[in-house]
Full PDB file with SEQRES, HELIX, SHEET, SSBOND, CRYST1, ORIGX, SCALE, CONECT and MASTER records, all heavy atoms in Angstrom:
SEQRES   1 A   34  SER VAL THR GLY LEU SER ARG VAL PRO GLU GLY PHE ARG          
SEQRES   2 A   34  VAL ARG LEU ASP ASP GLU HIS GLU VAL THR ALA CYS ALA          
SEQRES   3 A   34  VAL VAL VAL ALA SER GLY VAL ARG                              
SHEET    1 AA1 3 VAL A   2  VAL A   8  0                                        
SHEET    2 AA1 3 GLY A  11  LEU A  16 -1                                        
SHEET    3 AA1 3 GLU A  21  ALA A  24 -1                                        
CRYST1    1.000    1.000    1.000  90.00  90.00  90.00 P 1           1          
ORIGX1      1.000000  0.000000  0.000000        0.00000                         
ORIGX2      0.000000  1.000000  0.000000        0.00000                         
ORIGX3      0.000000  0.000000  1.000000        0.00000                         
SCALE1      1.000000  0.000000  0.000000        0.00000                         
SCALE2      0.000000  1.000000  0.000000        0.00000                         
SCALE3      0.000000  0.000000  1.000000        0.00000                         
ATOM      1  N   SER A   1      71.506 -26.226 184.315  1.00  0.00           N  
ATOM      2  CA  SER A   1      71.047 -25.307 183.272  1.00  0.00           C  
ATOM      3  C   SER A   1      70.596 -26.107 182.055  1.00  0.00           C  
ATOM      4  O   SER A   1      71.163 -27.168 181.738  1.00  0.00           O  
ATOM      5  CB  SER A   1      72.179 -24.357 182.867  1.00  0.00           C  
ATOM      6  OG  SER A   1      72.571 -23.539 183.941  1.00  0.00           O  
ATOM      7  N   VAL A   2      69.600 -25.582 181.357  1.00  0.00           N  
ATOM      8  CA  VAL A   2      69.186 -26.150 180.083  1.00  0.00           C  
ATOM      9  C   VAL A   2      70.005 -25.467 178.988  1.00  0.00           C  
ATOM     10  O   VAL A   2      70.071 -24.239 178.925  1.00  0.00           O  
ATOM     11  CB  VAL A   2      67.676 -25.930 179.837  1.00  0.00           C  
ATOM     12  CG1 VAL A   2      67.298 -26.403 178.438  1.00  0.00           C  
ATOM     13  CG2 VAL A   2      66.854 -26.671 180.881  1.00  0.00           C  
ATOM     14  N   THR A   3      70.653 -26.253 178.153  1.00  0.00           N  
ATOM     15  CA  THR A   3      71.516 -25.686 177.123  1.00  0.00           C  
ATOM     16  C   THR A   3      70.962 -25.835 175.707  1.00  0.00           C  
ATOM     17  O   THR A   3      71.478 -25.195 174.794  1.00  0.00           O  
ATOM     18  CB  THR A   3      72.910 -26.352 177.178  1.00  0.00           C  
ATOM     19  OG1 THR A   3      72.760 -27.755 176.966  1.00  0.00           O  
ATOM     20  CG2 THR A   3      73.579 -26.093 178.506  1.00  0.00           C  
ATOM     21  N   GLY A   4      69.946 -26.629 175.534  1.00  0.00           N  
ATOM     22  CA  GLY A   4      69.377 -26.777 174.199  1.00  0.00           C  
ATOM     23  C   GLY A   4      68.089 -27.566 174.182  1.00  0.00           C  
ATOM     24  O   GLY A   4      67.791 -28.308 175.136  1.00  0.00           O  
ATOM     25  N   LEU A   5      67.307 -27.364 173.122  1.00  0.00           N  
ATOM     26  CA  LEU A   5      66.017 -28.045 172.976  1.00  0.00           C  
ATOM     27  C   LEU A   5      65.832 -28.425 171.528  1.00  0.00           C  
ATOM     28  O   LEU A   5      66.119 -27.613 170.614  1.00  0.00           O  
ATOM     29  CB  LEU A   5      64.909 -27.127 173.462  1.00  0.00           C  
ATOM     30  CG  LEU A   5      63.469 -27.608 173.292  1.00  0.00           C  
ATOM     31  CD1 LEU A   5      62.619 -27.160 174.474  1.00  0.00           C  
ATOM     32  CD2 LEU A   5      62.852 -27.024 171.993  1.00  0.00           C  
ATOM     33  N   SER A   6      65.365 -29.623 171.280  1.00  0.00           N  
ATOM     34  CA  SER A   6      65.103 -30.075 169.911  1.00  0.00           C  
ATOM     35  C   SER A   6      63.817 -30.893 169.883  1.00  0.00           C  
ATOM     36  O   SER A   6      63.375 -31.434 170.903  1.00  0.00           O  
ATOM     37  CB  SER A   6      66.279 -30.901 169.389  1.00  0.00           C  
ATOM     38  OG  SER A   6      66.523 -32.017 170.235  1.00  0.00           O  
ATOM     39  N   ARG A   7      63.235 -30.968 168.679  1.00  0.00           N  
ATOM     40  CA  ARG A   7      62.002 -31.737 168.513  1.00  0.00           C  
ATOM     41  C   ARG A   7      62.367 -33.196 168.217  1.00  0.00           C  
ATOM     42  O   ARG A   7      63.298 -33.493 167.474  1.00  0.00           O  
ATOM     43  CB  ARG A   7      61.186 -31.197 167.337  1.00  0.00           C  
ATOM     44  CG  ARG A   7      60.690 -29.775 167.549  1.00  0.00           C  
ATOM     45  CD  ARG A   7      59.682 -29.681 168.661  1.00  0.00           C  
ATOM     46  NE  ARG A   7      58.541 -30.546 168.494  1.00  0.00           N  
ATOM     47  CZ  ARG A   7      57.437 -30.218 167.808  1.00  0.00           C  
ATOM     48  NH1 ARG A   7      57.358 -29.040 167.220  1.00  0.00           N  
ATOM     49  NH2 ARG A   7      56.443 -31.063 167.676  1.00  0.00           N  
ATOM     50  N   VAL A   8      61.619 -34.128 168.834  1.00  0.00           N  
ATOM     51  CA  VAL A   8      61.756 -35.552 168.584  1.00  0.00           C  
ATOM     52  C   VAL A   8      60.336 -36.124 168.469  1.00  0.00           C  
ATOM     53  O   VAL A   8      59.362 -35.452 168.833  1.00  0.00           O  
ATOM     54  CB  VAL A   8      62.526 -36.254 169.736  1.00  0.00           C  
ATOM     55  CG1 VAL A   8      63.969 -35.761 169.785  1.00  0.00           C  
ATOM     56  CG2 VAL A   8      61.851 -36.017 171.077  1.00  0.00           C  
ATOM     57  N   PRO A   9      60.191 -37.354 167.971  1.00  0.00           N  
ATOM     58  CA  PRO A   9      58.849 -37.909 167.829  1.00  0.00           C  
ATOM     59  C   PRO A   9      58.045 -37.927 169.116  1.00  0.00           C  
ATOM     60  O   PRO A   9      56.814 -37.755 169.107  1.00  0.00           O  
ATOM     61  CB  PRO A   9      59.127 -39.335 167.322  1.00  0.00           C  
ATOM     62  CG  PRO A   9      60.420 -39.225 166.602  1.00  0.00           C  
ATOM     63  CD  PRO A   9      61.219 -38.208 167.365  1.00  0.00           C  
ATOM     64  N   GLU A  10      58.746 -38.112 170.263  1.00  0.00           N  
ATOM     65  CA  GLU A  10      58.030 -38.157 171.548  1.00  0.00           C  
ATOM     66  C   GLU A  10      57.616 -36.771 172.030  1.00  0.00           C  
ATOM     67  O   GLU A  10      56.820 -36.651 172.943  1.00  0.00           O  
ATOM     68  CB  GLU A  10      58.926 -38.789 172.617  1.00  0.00           C  
ATOM     69  CG  GLU A  10      59.390 -40.203 172.295  1.00  0.00           C  
ATOM     70  CD  GLU A  10      60.665 -40.239 171.501  1.00  0.00           C  
ATOM     71  OE1 GLU A  10      61.054 -39.190 170.918  1.00  0.00           O  
ATOM     72  OE2 GLU A  10      61.292 -41.306 171.450  1.00  0.00           O  
ATOM     73  N   GLY A  11      58.149 -35.726 171.404  1.00  0.00           N  
ATOM     74  CA  GLY A  11      57.846 -34.372 171.850  1.00  0.00           C  
ATOM     75  C   GLY A  11      59.077 -33.485 171.764  1.00  0.00           C  
ATOM     76  O   GLY A  11      59.370 -32.888 170.742  1.00  0.00           O  
ATOM     77  N   PHE A  12      59.842 -33.433 172.888  1.00  0.00           N  
ATOM     78  CA  PHE A  12      61.028 -32.592 172.954  1.00  0.00           C  
ATOM     79  C   PHE A  12      62.167 -33.342 173.645  1.00  0.00           C  
ATOM     80  O   PHE A  12      61.933 -34.125 174.576  1.00  0.00           O  
ATOM     81  CB  PHE A  12      60.749 -31.305 173.738  1.00  0.00           C  
ATOM     82  CG  PHE A  12      59.652 -30.453 173.124  1.00  0.00           C  
ATOM     83  CD1 PHE A  12      58.330 -30.616 173.504  1.00  0.00           C  
ATOM     84  CD2 PHE A  12      59.956 -29.504 172.153  1.00  0.00           C  
ATOM     85  CE1 PHE A  12      57.321 -29.858 172.949  1.00  0.00           C  
ATOM     86  CE2 PHE A  12      58.961 -28.731 171.598  1.00  0.00           C  
ATOM     87  CZ  PHE A  12      57.641 -28.900 171.980  1.00  0.00           C  
ATOM     88  N   ARG A  13      63.364 -33.053 173.214  1.00  0.00           N  
ATOM     89  CA  ARG A  13      64.532 -33.512 173.930  1.00  0.00           C  
ATOM     90  C   ARG A  13      65.259 -32.289 174.454  1.00  0.00           C  
ATOM     91  O   ARG A  13      65.666 -31.422 173.701  1.00  0.00           O  
ATOM     92  CB  ARG A  13      65.455 -34.358 173.048  1.00  0.00           C  
ATOM     93  CG  ARG A  13      66.711 -34.814 173.804  1.00  0.00           C  
ATOM     94  CD  ARG A  13      67.487 -35.876 173.015  1.00  0.00           C  
ATOM     95  NE  ARG A  13      66.721 -37.112 172.926  1.00  0.00           N  
ATOM     96  CZ  ARG A  13      66.507 -37.797 171.808  1.00  0.00           C  
ATOM     97  NH1 ARG A  13      67.000 -37.334 170.664  1.00  0.00           N  
ATOM     98  NH2 ARG A  13      65.804 -38.913 171.820  1.00  0.00           N  
ATOM     99  N   VAL A  14      65.393 -32.224 175.764  1.00  0.00           N  
ATOM    100  CA  VAL A  14      66.019 -31.075 176.430  1.00  0.00           C  
ATOM    101  C   VAL A  14      67.381 -31.503 176.951  1.00  0.00           C  
ATOM    102  O   VAL A  14      67.469 -32.484 177.701  1.00  0.00           O  
ATOM    103  CB  VAL A  14      65.124 -30.545 177.568  1.00  0.00           C  
ATOM    104  CG1 VAL A  14      65.813 -29.400 178.294  1.00  0.00           C  
ATOM    105  CG2 VAL A  14      63.775 -30.095 177.017  1.00  0.00           C  
ATOM    106  N   ARG A  15      68.421 -30.780 176.570  1.00  0.00           N  
ATOM    107  CA  ARG A  15      69.775 -31.108 176.989  1.00  0.00           C  
ATOM    108  C   ARG A  15      70.187 -30.228 178.158  1.00  0.00           C  
ATOM    109  O   ARG A  15      70.015 -29.000 178.132  1.00  0.00           O  
ATOM    110  CB  ARG A  15      70.753 -30.922 175.814  1.00  0.00           C  
ATOM    111  CG  ARG A  15      72.170 -31.400 176.112  1.00  0.00           C  
ATOM    112  CD  ARG A  15      73.050 -31.353 174.883  1.00  0.00           C  
ATOM    113  NE  ARG A  15      73.203 -29.989 174.371  1.00  0.00           N  
ATOM    114  CZ  ARG A  15      72.584 -29.498 173.307  1.00  0.00           C  
ATOM    115  NH1 ARG A  15      71.737 -30.269 172.619  1.00  0.00           N  
ATOM    116  NH2 ARG A  15      72.794 -28.261 172.910  1.00  0.00           N  
ATOM    117  N   LEU A  16      70.733 -30.858 179.191  1.00  0.00           N  
ATOM    118  CA  LEU A  16      71.230 -30.127 180.354  1.00  0.00           C  
ATOM    119  C   LEU A  16      72.713 -29.822 180.213  1.00  0.00           C  
ATOM    120  O   LEU A  16      73.374 -30.349 179.314  1.00  0.00           O  
ATOM    121  CB  LEU A  16      70.960 -30.915 181.635  1.00  0.00           C  
ATOM    122  CG  LEU A  16      69.507 -31.364 181.883  1.00  0.00           C  
ATOM    123  CD1 LEU A  16      69.376 -32.014 183.237  1.00  0.00           C  
ATOM    124  CD2 LEU A  16      68.539 -30.179 181.759  1.00  0.00           C  
ATOM    125  N   ASP A  17      73.254 -28.999 181.087  1.00  0.00           N  
ATOM    126  CA  ASP A  17      74.619 -28.523 180.924  1.00  0.00           C  
ATOM    127  C   ASP A  17      75.679 -29.601 181.201  1.00  0.00           C  
ATOM    128  O   ASP A  17      76.855 -29.348 181.012  1.00  0.00           O  
ATOM    129  CB  ASP A  17      74.895 -27.292 181.788  1.00  0.00           C  
ATOM    130  CG  ASP A  17      74.573 -27.506 183.253  1.00  0.00           C  
ATOM    131  OD1 ASP A  17      74.168 -28.634 183.610  1.00  0.00           O  
ATOM    132  OD2 ASP A  17      74.703 -26.553 184.046  1.00  0.00           O  
ATOM    133  N   ASP A  18      75.268 -30.762 181.662  1.00  0.00           N  
ATOM    134  CA  ASP A  18      76.228 -31.861 181.837  1.00  0.00           C  
ATOM    135  C   ASP A  18      76.009 -32.930 180.764  1.00  0.00           C  
ATOM    136  O   ASP A  18      76.424 -34.075 180.927  1.00  0.00           O  
ATOM    137  CB  ASP A  18      76.096 -32.486 183.224  1.00  0.00           C  
ATOM    138  CG  ASP A  18      74.712 -33.096 183.449  1.00  0.00           C  
ATOM    139  OD1 ASP A  18      73.805 -32.836 182.633  1.00  0.00           O  
ATOM    140  OD2 ASP A  18      74.559 -33.860 184.416  1.00  0.00           O  
ATOM    141  N   GLU A  19      75.297 -32.552 179.678  1.00  0.00           N  
ATOM    142  CA  GLU A  19      74.971 -33.427 178.560  1.00  0.00           C  
ATOM    143  C   GLU A  19      73.896 -34.452 178.907  1.00  0.00           C  
ATOM    144  O   GLU A  19      73.557 -35.294 178.080  1.00  0.00           O  
ATOM    145  CB  GLU A  19      76.224 -34.155 178.003  1.00  0.00           C  
ATOM    146  CG  GLU A  19      77.326 -33.221 177.544  1.00  0.00           C  
ATOM    147  CD  GLU A  19      76.842 -32.206 176.527  1.00  0.00           C  
ATOM    148  OE1 GLU A  19      76.090 -32.581 175.627  1.00  0.00           O  
ATOM    149  OE2 GLU A  19      77.204 -31.006 176.656  1.00  0.00           O  
ATOM    150  N   HIS A  20      73.374 -34.411 180.131  1.00  0.00           N  
ATOM    151  CA  HIS A  20      72.230 -35.231 180.472  1.00  0.00           C  
ATOM    152  C   HIS A  20      71.040 -34.775 179.635  1.00  0.00           C  
ATOM    153  O   HIS A  20      70.911 -33.580 179.359  1.00  0.00           O  
ATOM    154  CB  HIS A  20      71.934 -35.081 181.955  1.00  0.00           C  
ATOM    155  CG  HIS A  20      71.014 -36.093 182.517  1.00  0.00           C  
ATOM    156  ND1 HIS A  20      71.417 -37.155 183.286  1.00  0.00           N  
ATOM    157  CD2 HIS A  20      69.651 -36.207 182.421  1.00  0.00           C  
ATOM    158  CE1 HIS A  20      70.372 -37.872 183.638  1.00  0.00           C  
ATOM    159  NE2 HIS A  20      69.286 -37.322 183.133  1.00  0.00           N  
ATOM    160  N   GLU A  21      70.151 -35.686 179.246  1.00  0.00           N  
ATOM    161  CA  GLU A  21      69.018 -35.302 178.428  1.00  0.00           C  
ATOM    162  C   GLU A  21      67.708 -35.786 179.052  1.00  0.00           C  
ATOM    163  O   GLU A  21      67.664 -36.868 179.666  1.00  0.00           O  
ATOM    164  CB  GLU A  21      69.144 -35.866 177.013  1.00  0.00           C  
ATOM    165  CG  GLU A  21      70.296 -35.228 176.231  1.00  0.00           C  
ATOM    166  CD  GLU A  21      70.340 -35.687 174.799  1.00  0.00           C  
ATOM    167  OE1 GLU A  21      69.737 -36.736 174.477  1.00  0.00           O  
ATOM    168  OE2 GLU A  21      70.963 -34.993 173.963  1.00  0.00           O  
ATOM    169  N   VAL A  22      66.686 -34.974 178.885  1.00  0.00           N  
ATOM    170  CA  VAL A  22      65.335 -35.303 179.373  1.00  0.00           C  
ATOM    171  C   VAL A  22      64.390 -35.219 178.187  1.00  0.00           C  
ATOM    172  O   VAL A  22      64.366 -34.213 177.456  1.00  0.00           O  
ATOM    173  CB  VAL A  22      64.880 -34.358 180.480  1.00  0.00           C  
ATOM    174  CG1 VAL A  22      63.481 -34.748 180.963  1.00  0.00           C  
ATOM    175  CG2 VAL A  22      65.867 -34.346 181.632  1.00  0.00           C  
ATOM    176  N   THR A  23      63.605 -36.254 177.977  1.00  0.00           N  
ATOM    177  CA  THR A  23      62.593 -36.248 176.923  1.00  0.00           C  
ATOM    178  C   THR A  23      61.233 -35.917 177.554  1.00  0.00           C  
ATOM    179  O   THR A  23      60.857 -36.529 178.550  1.00  0.00           O  
ATOM    180  CB  THR A  23      62.535 -37.617 176.218  1.00  0.00           C  
ATOM    181  OG1 THR A  23      63.800 -37.922 175.664  1.00  0.00           O  
ATOM    182  CG2 THR A  23      61.497 -37.598 175.103  1.00  0.00           C  
ATOM    183  N   ALA A  24      60.526 -34.960 176.946  1.00  0.00           N  
ATOM    184  CA  ALA A  24      59.250 -34.523 177.500  1.00  0.00           C  
ATOM    185  C   ALA A  24      58.214 -34.390 176.399  1.00  0.00           C  
ATOM    186  O   ALA A  24      58.532 -33.997 175.266  1.00  0.00           O  
ATOM    187  CB  ALA A  24      59.434 -33.172 178.194  1.00  0.00           C  
ATOM    188  N   CYS A  25      56.978 -34.715 176.756  1.00  0.00           N  
ATOM    189  CA  CYS A  25      55.879 -34.556 175.810  1.00  0.00           C  
ATOM    190  C   CYS A  25      55.530 -33.085 175.604  1.00  0.00           C  
ATOM    191  O   CYS A  25      55.092 -32.676 174.517  1.00  0.00           O  
ATOM    192  CB  CYS A  25      54.644 -35.312 176.284  1.00  0.00           C  
ATOM    193  SG  CYS A  25      54.893 -37.087 176.505  1.00  0.00           S  
ATOM    194  N   ALA A  26      55.696 -32.287 176.664  1.00  0.00           N  
ATOM    195  CA  ALA A  26      55.403 -30.853 176.600  1.00  0.00           C  
ATOM    196  C   ALA A  26      56.417 -30.114 177.454  1.00  0.00           C  
ATOM    197  O   ALA A  26      56.951 -30.678 178.426  1.00  0.00           O  
ATOM    198  CB  ALA A  26      53.988 -30.559 177.055  1.00  0.00           C  
ATOM    199  N   VAL A  27      56.682 -28.863 177.107  1.00  0.00           N  
ATOM    200  CA  VAL A  27      57.641 -28.045 177.839  1.00  0.00           C  
ATOM    201  C   VAL A  27      57.009 -26.707 178.178  1.00  0.00           C  
ATOM    202  O   VAL A  27      56.370 -26.074 177.321  1.00  0.00           O  
ATOM    203  CB  VAL A  27      58.926 -27.806 177.019  1.00  0.00           C  
ATOM    204  CG1 VAL A  27      59.836 -26.800 177.730  1.00  0.00           C  
ATOM    205  CG2 VAL A  27      59.660 -29.119 176.794  1.00  0.00           C  
ATOM    206  N   VAL A  28      57.170 -26.287 179.424  1.00  0.00           N  
ATOM    207  CA  VAL A  28      56.766 -24.939 179.848  1.00  0.00           C  
ATOM    208  C   VAL A  28      58.034 -24.148 180.133  1.00  0.00           C  
ATOM    209  O   VAL A  28      58.830 -24.541 181.015  1.00  0.00           O  
ATOM    210  CB  VAL A  28      55.854 -24.978 181.095  1.00  0.00           C  
ATOM    211  CG1 VAL A  28      55.685 -23.563 181.677  1.00  0.00           C  
ATOM    212  CG2 VAL A  28      54.497 -25.560 180.749  1.00  0.00           C  
ATOM    213  N   VAL A  29      58.221 -23.067 179.393  1.00  0.00           N  
ATOM    214  CA  VAL A  29      59.370 -22.198 179.595  1.00  0.00           C  
ATOM    215  C   VAL A  29      59.018 -21.171 180.660  1.00  0.00           C  
ATOM    216  O   VAL A  29      58.140 -20.321 180.464  1.00  0.00           O  
ATOM    217  CB  VAL A  29      59.787 -21.490 178.290  1.00  0.00           C  
ATOM    218  CG1 VAL A  29      60.981 -20.588 178.534  1.00  0.00           C  
ATOM    219  CG2 VAL A  29      60.086 -22.517 177.221  1.00  0.00           C  
ATOM    220  N   ALA A  30      59.687 -21.257 181.812  1.00  0.00           N  
ATOM    221  CA  ALA A  30      59.459 -20.324 182.912  1.00  0.00           C  
ATOM    222  C   ALA A  30      60.826 -19.866 183.442  1.00  0.00           C  
ATOM    223  O   ALA A  30      61.019 -19.721 184.641  1.00  0.00           O  
ATOM    224  CB  ALA A  30      58.637 -20.989 184.019  1.00  0.00           C  
ATOM    225  N   SER A  31      61.762 -19.688 182.490  1.00  0.00           N  
ATOM    226  CA  SER A  31      63.145 -19.407 182.871  1.00  0.00           C  
ATOM    227  C   SER A  31      63.402 -17.982 183.297  1.00  0.00           C  
ATOM    228  O   SER A  31      64.512 -17.654 183.727  1.00  0.00           O  
ATOM    229  CB  SER A  31      64.084 -19.777 181.714  1.00  0.00           C  
ATOM    230  OG  SER A  31      63.622 -19.283 180.478  1.00  0.00           O  
ATOM    231  N   GLY A  32      62.399 -17.137 183.220  1.00  0.00           N  
ATOM    232  CA  GLY A  32      62.452 -15.802 183.829  1.00  0.00           C  
ATOM    233  C   GLY A  32      63.483 -14.878 183.199  1.00  0.00           C  
ATOM    234  O   GLY A  32      63.856 -15.004 182.041  1.00  0.00           O  
ATOM    235  N   VAL A  33      63.900 -13.916 184.014  1.00  0.00           N  
ATOM    236  CA  VAL A  33      64.815 -12.866 183.557  1.00  0.00           C  
ATOM    237  C   VAL A  33      65.954 -12.731 184.572  1.00  0.00           C  
ATOM    238  O   VAL A  33      65.878 -13.238 185.683  1.00  0.00           O  
ATOM    239  CB  VAL A  33      64.101 -11.523 183.403  1.00  0.00           C  
ATOM    240  CG1 VAL A  33      63.037 -11.586 182.335  1.00  0.00           C  
ATOM    241  CG2 VAL A  33      63.476 -11.079 184.728  1.00  0.00           C  
ATOM    242  N   ARG A  34      66.977 -12.027 184.165  1.00  0.00           N  
ATOM    243  CA  ARG A  34      68.110 -11.743 185.041  1.00  0.00           C  
ATOM    244  C   ARG A  34      68.422 -10.261 184.987  1.00  0.00           C  
ATOM    245  O   ARG A  34      68.314  -9.636 183.940  1.00  0.00           O  
ATOM    246  CB  ARG A  34      69.325 -12.565 184.595  1.00  0.00           C  
ATOM    247  CG  ARG A  34      69.107 -14.058 184.772  1.00  0.00           C  
ATOM    248  CD  ARG A  34      70.267 -14.852 184.227  1.00  0.00           C  
ATOM    249  NE  ARG A  34      70.046 -16.282 184.482  1.00  0.00           N  
ATOM    250  CZ  ARG A  34      70.834 -17.234 184.064  1.00  0.00           C  
ATOM    251  NH1 ARG A  34      71.943 -16.925 183.369  1.00  0.00           N  
ATOM    252  NH2 ARG A  34      70.584 -18.506 184.326  1.00  0.00           N  
TER     253      ARG A  34                                                      
MASTER        0    0    0    0    3    0    0    6  252    1    0    3          
END                                                                             
């Protein structure tokens, strides 16, 4: 699960639910509905 998103110079830092982080230049939100 993605638990948070913040802006960084490279673009975005996305935090996963195990505290793992992914840095991305662009993000597409397609998390849908429940």
